[in-house]
Amino acid sequence: MSEKSSGASAYDRLMASIRSGVFAPGDRLREEDVAERLQLSRTPVREALRRLEADGIVEHIPRQGAMVRRLSHTEVVELYEMRVVLERTAAEMAAKHGTGPEFDALDDLNNAISLERANPAAAAAINQDFHRGLYLAGRNRFLLEAARALNNSLLLLGPTTFTDEDRIDVVTGQHQAIIDALRNGDSEAAGAAAEAHLNTSLRQRLRSLS
């Protein structure tokens, strides 16, 4: 494997580890420890850490080294403010441009979340697929690109809140409200449901920070 391709592989694998919670916000990322865990040499790991620092996912703390960046209270609020703007728009546009099969797929994903109560990480991954599907149904490449730009920051929110089974009931119920509005072609109701959903998520995140 070339040095370039091994560096890309290290980046992908380290990103996957952060996404899955193996490395959480605030965790130190010592080159030797990461290399041992991912079974890679230190050179591609060093390259991956530099790329992640450029992406804003990793930060270098004096006398401590590389760490997965932890969002402050203010940054979490600002992140959700942007998510509300983008996702409300996505839901409104999906109500206008989405199709029945796309809404069926969202329904299937929402049901799948309920079936993963014993596996919060799997439920969280399906939840990400649900929100991605909502953006895709909106049929706007520029909106989709703006949403992708937030993805790195979403990785820094920390552990999933789906460890609380009651939380899954709230999420899937709010998802259903979005889906119902989409099926009715009601863009205003879809946007309002998406905004209410994210505001509930923000309150849950802020409680977990306190």
C-alpha atoms as a PDB file:
ATOM      1  CA  MET A   1       0.000   0.000   0.000  1.00  0.00           C
ATOM      2  CA  SER A   2       1.424   3.424  -0.898  1.00  0.00           C
ATOM      3  CA  GLU A   3       2.084   6.008   1.823  1.00  0.00           C
ATOM      4  CA  LYS A   4      -0.684   8.170   0.374  1.00  0.00           C
ATOM      5  CA  SER A   5      -3.245   5.372   0.333  1.00  0.00           C
ATOM      6  CA  SER A   6      -2.224   4.169   3.802  1.00  0.00           C
ATOM      7  CA  GLY A   7      -2.684   7.729   5.086  1.00  0.00           C
ATOM      8  CA  ALA A   8      -6.138   7.879   3.514  1.00  0.00           C
ATOM      9  CA  SER A   9      -6.981   4.516   5.080  1.00  0.00           C
ATOM     10  CA  ALA A  10      -5.812   5.736   8.489  1.00  0.00           C
ATOM     11  CA  TYR A  11      -7.971   8.853   8.096  1.00  0.00           C
ATOM     12  CA  ASP A  12     -11.054   6.823   7.173  1.00  0.00           C
ATOM     13  CA  ARG A  13     -10.549   4.358  10.000  1.00  0.00           C
ATOM     14  CA  LEU A  14      -9.900   7.058  12.586  1.00  0.00           C
ATOM     15  CA  MET A  15     -12.980   8.968  11.412  1.00  0.00           C
ATOM     16  CA  ALA A  16     -15.041   5.770  11.736  1.00  0.00           C
ATOM     17  CA  SER A  17     -13.685   5.266  15.258  1.00  0.00           C
ATOM     18  CA  ILE A  18     -14.692   8.787  16.261  1.00  0.00           C
ATOM     19  CA  ARG A  19     -18.111   8.396  14.634  1.00  0.00           C
ATOM     20  CA  SER A  20     -18.754   5.111  16.475  1.00  0.00           C
ATOM     21  CA  GLY A  21     -17.608   6.519  19.824  1.00  0.00           C
ATOM     22  CA  VAL A  22     -14.391   4.518  20.164  1.00  0.00           C
ATOM     23  CA  PHE A  23     -12.693   7.896  20.518  1.00  0.00           C
ATOM     24  CA  ALA A  24     -14.964  10.467  22.168  1.00  0.00           C
ATOM     25  CA  PRO A  25     -14.717  14.264  22.474  1.00  0.00           C
ATOM     26  CA  GLY A  26     -11.968  15.089  24.961  1.00  0.00           C
ATOM     27  CA  ASP A  27     -10.033  11.849  24.378  1.00  0.00           C
ATOM     28  CA  ARG A  28      -6.293  12.082  23.783  1.00  0.00           C
ATOM     29  CA  LEU A  29      -5.051  10.673  20.489  1.00  0.00           C
ATOM     30  CA  ARG A  30      -1.457   9.597  21.086  1.00  0.00           C
ATOM     31  CA  GLU A  31       0.087   8.427  17.808  1.00  0.00           C
ATOM     32  CA  GLU A  32       1.409   5.182  19.225  1.00  0.00           C
ATOM     33  CA  ASP A  33      -1.898   4.297  20.929  1.00  0.00           C
ATOM     34  CA  VAL A  34      -3.976   5.050  17.828  1.00  0.00           C
ATOM     35  CA  ALA A  35      -1.536   3.137  15.615  1.00  0.00           C
ATOM     36  CA  GLU A  36      -1.704   0.106  17.904  1.00  0.00           C
ATOM     37  CA  ARG A  37      -5.514   0.176  18.138  1.00  0.00           C
ATOM     38  CA  LEU A  38      -5.951   0.546  14.361  1.00  0.00           C
ATOM     39  CA  GLN A  39      -3.029  -1.804  13.606  1.00  0.00           C
ATOM     40  CA  LEU A  40      -1.259   0.786  11.476  1.00  0.00           C
ATOM     41  CA  SER A  41       2.195   2.332  11.466  1.00  0.00           C
ATOM     42  CA  ARG A  42       2.678   5.758  13.046  1.00  0.00           C
ATOM     43  CA  THR A  43       3.418   7.606   9.787  1.00  0.00           C
ATOM     44  CA  PRO A  44      -0.083   7.285   8.250  1.00  0.00           C
ATOM     45  CA  VAL A  45      -1.626   7.911  11.675  1.00  0.00           C
ATOM     46  CA  ARG A  46       0.354  11.150  11.943  1.00  0.00           C
ATOM     47  CA  GLU A  47      -0.932  12.175   8.501  1.00  0.00           C
ATOM     48  CA  ALA A  48      -4.497  11.316   9.486  1.00  0.00           C
ATOM     49  CA  LEU A  49      -4.251  13.388  12.665  1.00  0.00           C
ATOM     50  CA  ARG A  50      -3.023  16.391  10.659  1.00  0.00           C
ATOM     51  CA  ARG A  51      -5.990  16.052   8.292  1.00  0.00           C
ATOM     52  CA  LEU A  52      -8.425  15.744  11.178  1.00  0.00           C
ATOM     53  CA  GLU A  53      -6.935  18.854  12.767  1.00  0.00           C
ATOM     54  CA  ALA A  54      -7.452  20.732   9.483  1.00  0.00           C
ATOM     55  CA  ASP A  55     -11.057  19.464   9.462  1.00  0.00           C
ATOM     56  CA  GLY A  56     -11.656  20.873  12.941  1.00  0.00           C
ATOM     57  CA  ILE A  57     -12.235  17.458  14.503  1.00  0.00           C
ATOM     58  CA  VAL A  58      -8.915  17.203  16.326  1.00  0.00           C
ATOM     59  CA  GLU A  59      -7.137  19.988  18.186  1.00  0.00           C
ATOM     60  CA  HIS A  60      -3.581  20.180  19.509  1.00  0.00           C
ATOM     61  CA  ILE A  61      -3.418  21.131  23.184  1.00  0.00           C
ATOM     62  CA  PRO A  62      -0.041  22.339  24.544  1.00  0.00           C
ATOM     63  CA  ARG A  63       1.631  19.755  26.809  1.00  0.00           C
ATOM     64  CA  GLN A  64      -1.193  17.292  26.107  1.00  0.00           C
ATOM     65  CA  GLY A  65      -1.014  16.648  22.371  1.00  0.00           C
ATOM     66  CA  ALA A  66      -3.786  15.808  19.930  1.00  0.00           C
ATOM     67  CA  MET A  67      -7.302  15.441  21.304  1.00  0.00           C
ATOM     68  CA  VAL A  68     -10.761  14.967  19.829  1.00  0.00           C
ATOM     69  CA  ARG A  69     -12.234  18.455  20.046  1.00  0.00           C
ATOM     70  CA  ARG A  70     -14.999  19.028  22.577  1.00  0.00           C
ATOM     71  CA  LEU A  71     -17.717  21.540  21.718  1.00  0.00           C
ATOM     72  CA  SER A  72     -18.508  24.241  24.251  1.00  0.00           C
ATOM     73  CA  HIS A  73     -22.055  24.994  25.408  1.00  0.00           C
ATOM     74  CA  THR A  74     -22.155  28.002  23.060  1.00  0.00           C
ATOM     75  CA  GLU A  75     -20.896  25.947  20.101  1.00  0.00           C
ATOM     76  CA  VAL A  76     -23.550  23.279  20.676  1.00  0.00           C
ATOM     77  CA  VAL A  77     -26.273  25.946  20.652  1.00  0.00           C
ATOM     78  CA  GLU A  78     -24.825  27.540  17.504  1.00  0.00           C
ATOM     79  CA  LEU A  79     -24.601  24.152  15.789  1.00  0.00           C
ATOM     80  CA  TYR A  80     -28.250  23.396  16.482  1.00  0.00           C
ATOM     81  CA  GLU A  81     -29.276  26.858  15.346  1.00  0.00           C
ATOM     82  CA  MET A  82     -27.763  26.074  11.955  1.00  0.00           C
ATOM     83  CA  ARG A  83     -29.286  22.592  11.916  1.00  0.00           C
ATOM     84  CA  VAL A  84     -32.728  24.095  12.513  1.00  0.00           C
ATOM     85  CA  VAL A  85     -32.295  26.504   9.599  1.00  0.00           C
ATOM     86  CA  LEU A  86     -31.105  23.793   7.223  1.00  0.00           C
ATOM     87  CA  GLU A  87     -33.358  20.966   8.316  1.00  0.00           C
ATOM     88  CA  ARG A  88     -36.513  23.051   8.442  1.00  0.00           C
ATOM     89  CA  THR A  89     -35.763  24.074   4.859  1.00  0.00           C
ATOM     90  CA  ALA A  90     -35.030  20.461   3.885  1.00  0.00           C
ATOM     91  CA  ALA A  91     -38.370  19.284   5.319  1.00  0.00           C
ATOM     92  CA  GLU A  92     -40.264  22.079   3.573  1.00  0.00           C
ATOM     93  CA  MET A  93     -38.649  21.232   0.252  1.00  0.00           C
ATOM     94  CA  ALA A  94     -39.119  17.485   0.744  1.00  0.00           C
ATOM     95  CA  ALA A  95     -42.867  18.076   1.213  1.00  0.00           C
ATOM     96  CA  LYS A  96     -42.892  19.750  -2.195  1.00  0.00           C
ATOM     97  CA  HIS A  97     -40.475  17.542  -4.124  1.00  0.00           C
ATOM     98  CA  GLY A  98     -40.225  14.211  -2.312  1.00  0.00           C
ATOM     99  CA  THR A  99     -41.878  11.019  -3.511  1.00  0.00           C
ATOM    100  CA  GLY A 100     -43.971   8.322  -1.867  1.00  0.00           C
ATOM    101  CA  PRO A 101     -41.166   5.729  -2.007  1.00  0.00           C
ATOM    102  CA  GLU A 102     -38.794   8.191  -0.302  1.00  0.00           C
ATOM    103  CA  PHE A 103     -41.307   8.752   2.471  1.00  0.00           C
ATOM    104  CA  ASP A 104     -41.747   4.971   2.755  1.00  0.00           C
ATOM    105  CA  ALA A 105     -37.976   4.668   3.194  1.00  0.00           C
ATOM    106  CA  LEU A 106     -38.064   7.272   5.989  1.00  0.00           C
ATOM    107  CA  ASP A 107     -40.856   5.293   7.637  1.00  0.00           C
ATOM    108  CA  ASP A 108     -38.782   2.100   7.433  1.00  0.00           C
ATOM    109  CA  LEU A 109     -35.775   3.838   8.972  1.00  0.00           C
ATOM    110  CA  ASN A 110     -37.895   5.268  11.763  1.00  0.00           C
ATOM    111  CA  ASN A 111     -39.281   1.805  12.546  1.00  0.00           C
ATOM    112  CA  ALA A 112     -35.756   0.396  12.481  1.00  0.00           C
ATOM    113  CA  ILE A 113     -34.698   2.897  15.152  1.00  0.00           C
ATOM    114  CA  SER A 114     -37.402   1.531  17.470  1.00  0.00           C
ATOM    115  CA  LEU A 115     -36.126  -2.018  16.960  1.00  0.00           C
ATOM    116  CA  GLU A 116     -32.606  -1.101  18.146  1.00  0.00           C
ATOM    117  CA  ARG A 117     -33.469  -0.137  21.718  1.00  0.00           C
ATOM    118  CA  ALA A 118     -30.853  -2.552  23.034  1.00  0.00           C
ATOM    119  CA  ASN A 119     -28.197  -1.098  20.754  1.00  0.00           C
ATOM    120  CA  PRO A 120     -28.086   2.718  21.089  1.00  0.00           C
ATOM    121  CA  ALA A 121     -25.115   3.075  18.731  1.00  0.00           C
ATOM    122  CA  ALA A 122     -26.986   1.241  15.957  1.00  0.00           C
ATOM    123  CA  ALA A 123     -30.109   3.337  16.606  1.00  0.00           C
ATOM    124  CA  ALA A 124     -28.014   6.508  16.351  1.00  0.00           C
ATOM    125  CA  ALA A 125     -26.509   5.375  13.035  1.00  0.00           C
ATOM    126  CA  ILE A 126     -29.985   4.695  11.616  1.00  0.00           C
ATOM    127  CA  ASN A 127     -31.081   8.102  12.892  1.00  0.00           C
ATOM    128  CA  GLN A 128     -28.298   9.692  10.841  1.00  0.00           C
ATOM    129  CA  ASP A 129     -29.588   7.812   7.789  1.00  0.00           C
ATOM    130  CA  PHE A 130     -33.085   9.170   8.466  1.00  0.00           C
ATOM    131  CA  HIS A 131     -31.900  12.770   8.495  1.00  0.00           C
ATOM    132  CA  ARG A 132     -29.762  12.193   5.409  1.00  0.00           C
ATOM    133  CA  GLY A 133     -32.812  10.794   3.633  1.00  0.00           C
ATOM    134  CA  LEU A 134     -34.806  13.889   4.530  1.00  0.00           C
ATOM    135  CA  TYR A 135     -32.189  16.119   2.911  1.00  0.00           C
ATOM    136  CA  LEU A 136     -32.048  13.933  -0.193  1.00  0.00           C
ATOM    137  CA  ALA A 137     -35.829  14.168  -0.569  1.00  0.00           C
ATOM    138  CA  GLY A 138     -35.484  17.957  -0.596  1.00  0.00           C
ATOM    139  CA  ARG A 139     -33.910  17.796  -4.057  1.00  0.00           C
ATOM    140  CA  ASN A 140     -31.471  20.688  -3.597  1.00  0.00           C
ATOM    141  CA  ARG A 141     -27.781  19.987  -4.064  1.00  0.00           C
ATOM    142  CA  PHE A 142     -26.692  23.240  -2.435  1.00  0.00           C
ATOM    143  CA  LEU A 143     -28.755  22.545   0.682  1.00  0.00           C
ATOM    144  CA  LEU A 144     -27.301  19.035   0.793  1.00  0.00           C
ATOM    145  CA  GLU A 145     -23.771  20.423   0.530  1.00  0.00           C
ATOM    146  CA  ALA A 146     -24.439  22.889   3.345  1.00  0.00           C
ATOM    147  CA  ALA A 147     -25.662  20.015   5.524  1.00  0.00           C
ATOM    148  CA  ARG A 148     -22.545  17.988   4.760  1.00  0.00           C
ATOM    149  CA  ALA A 149     -20.439  20.886   5.974  1.00  0.00           C
ATOM    150  CA  LEU A 150     -21.965  20.397   9.440  1.00  0.00           C
ATOM    151  CA  ASN A 151     -21.168  16.681   9.571  1.00  0.00           C
ATOM    152  CA  ASN A 152     -17.768  17.095  11.171  1.00  0.00           C
ATOM    153  CA  SER A 153     -19.229  19.194  13.959  1.00  0.00           C
ATOM    154  CA  LEU A 154     -21.966  16.633  14.563  1.00  0.00           C
ATOM    155  CA  LEU A 155     -19.263  14.077  15.332  1.00  0.00           C
ATOM    156  CA  LEU A 156     -18.185  16.267  18.251  1.00  0.00           C
ATOM    157  CA  LEU A 157     -21.514  16.180  20.074  1.00  0.00           C
ATOM    158  CA  GLY A 158     -20.373  13.153  22.048  1.00  0.00           C
ATOM    159  CA  PRO A 159     -22.181   9.930  22.995  1.00  0.00           C
ATOM    160  CA  THR A 160     -25.651   9.261  21.648  1.00  0.00           C
ATOM    161  CA  THR A 161     -28.627  10.234  23.816  1.00  0.00           C
ATOM    162  CA  PHE A 162     -30.367   7.019  22.720  1.00  0.00           C
ATOM    163  CA  THR A 163     -29.112   5.202  25.813  1.00  0.00           C
ATOM    164  CA  ASP A 164     -32.413   6.392  27.314  1.00  0.00           C
ATOM    165  CA  GLU A 165     -35.236   4.283  25.847  1.00  0.00           C
ATOM    166  CA  ASP A 166     -37.754   7.071  26.514  1.00  0.00           C
ATOM    167  CA  ARG A 167     -35.613   9.255  24.268  1.00  0.00           C
ATOM    168  CA  ILE A 168     -36.114   6.797  21.391  1.00  0.00           C
ATOM    169  CA  ASP A 169     -39.891   7.051  21.825  1.00  0.00           C
ATOM    170  CA  VAL A 170     -39.705  10.857  21.651  1.00  0.00           C
ATOM    171  CA  VAL A 171     -37.454  10.818  18.584  1.00  0.00           C
ATOM    172  CA  THR A 172     -39.475   8.300  16.610  1.00  0.00           C
ATOM    173  CA  GLY A 173     -42.709  10.099  17.491  1.00  0.00           C
ATOM    174  CA  GLN A 174     -41.313  13.395  16.232  1.00  0.00           C
ATOM    175  CA  HIS A 175     -39.957  11.706  13.113  1.00  0.00           C
ATOM    176  CA  GLN A 176     -43.451  10.352  12.467  1.00  0.00           C
ATOM    177  CA  ALA A 177     -44.886  13.863  12.661  1.00  0.00           C
ATOM    178  CA  ILE A 178     -42.419  14.938   9.977  1.00  0.00           C
ATOM    179  CA  ILE A 179     -43.277  11.949   7.773  1.00  0.00           C
ATOM    180  CA  ASP A 180     -47.028  12.546   8.130  1.00  0.00           C
ATOM    181  CA  ALA A 181     -46.601  16.172   7.042  1.00  0.00           C
ATOM    182  CA  LEU A 182     -44.467  15.083   4.093  1.00  0.00           C
ATOM    183  CA  ARG A 183     -47.111  12.603   2.936  1.00  0.00           C
ATOM    184  CA  ASN A 184     -49.734  15.347   3.173  1.00  0.00           C
ATOM    185  CA  GLY A 185     -47.580  17.678   1.085  1.00  0.00           C
ATOM    186  CA  ASP A 186     -47.795  20.236   3.907  1.00  0.00           C
ATOM    187  CA  SER A 187     -44.483  22.080   3.740  1.00  0.00           C
ATOM    188  CA  GLU A 188     -45.290  24.427   6.620  1.00  0.00           C
ATOM    189  CA  ALA A 189     -46.192  21.562   8.969  1.00  0.00           C
ATOM    190  CA  ALA A 190     -43.144  19.552   7.864  1.00  0.00           C
ATOM    191  CA  GLY A 191     -40.823  22.468   8.563  1.00  0.00           C
ATOM    192  CA  ALA A 192     -42.419  23.142  11.940  1.00  0.00           C
ATOM    193  CA  ALA A 193     -42.142  19.447  12.901  1.00  0.00           C
ATOM    194  CA  ALA A 194     -38.471  19.363  11.909  1.00  0.00           C
ATOM    195  CA  GLU A 195     -37.758  22.507  13.940  1.00  0.00           C
ATOM    196  CA  ALA A 196     -39.594  21.157  16.992  1.00  0.00           C
ATOM    197  CA  HIS A 197     -37.634  17.909  16.713  1.00  0.00           C
ATOM    198  CA  LEU A 198     -34.258  19.628  16.681  1.00  0.00           C
ATOM    199  CA  ASN A 199     -35.179  21.970  19.518  1.00  0.00           C
ATOM    200  CA  THR A 200     -36.058  18.914  21.613  1.00  0.00           C
ATOM    201  CA  SER A 201     -32.703  17.368  20.655  1.00  0.00           C
ATOM    202  CA  LEU A 202     -30.893  20.548  21.684  1.00  0.00           C
ATOM    203  CA  ARG A 203     -32.557  20.554  25.105  1.00  0.00           C
ATOM    204  CA  GLN A 204     -31.499  16.934  25.589  1.00  0.00           C
ATOM    205  CA  ARG A 205     -27.913  17.724  24.581  1.00  0.00           C
ATOM    206  CA  LEU A 206     -27.709  20.704  26.938  1.00  0.00           C
ATOM    207  CA  ARG A 207     -28.996  18.572  29.815  1.00  0.00           C
ATOM    208  CA  SER A 208     -26.245  16.062  29.112  1.00  0.00           C
ATOM    209  CA  LEU A 209     -23.630  18.845  29.264  1.00  0.00           C
ATOM    210  CA  SER A 210     -24.759  20.112  32.655  1.00  0.00           C
END
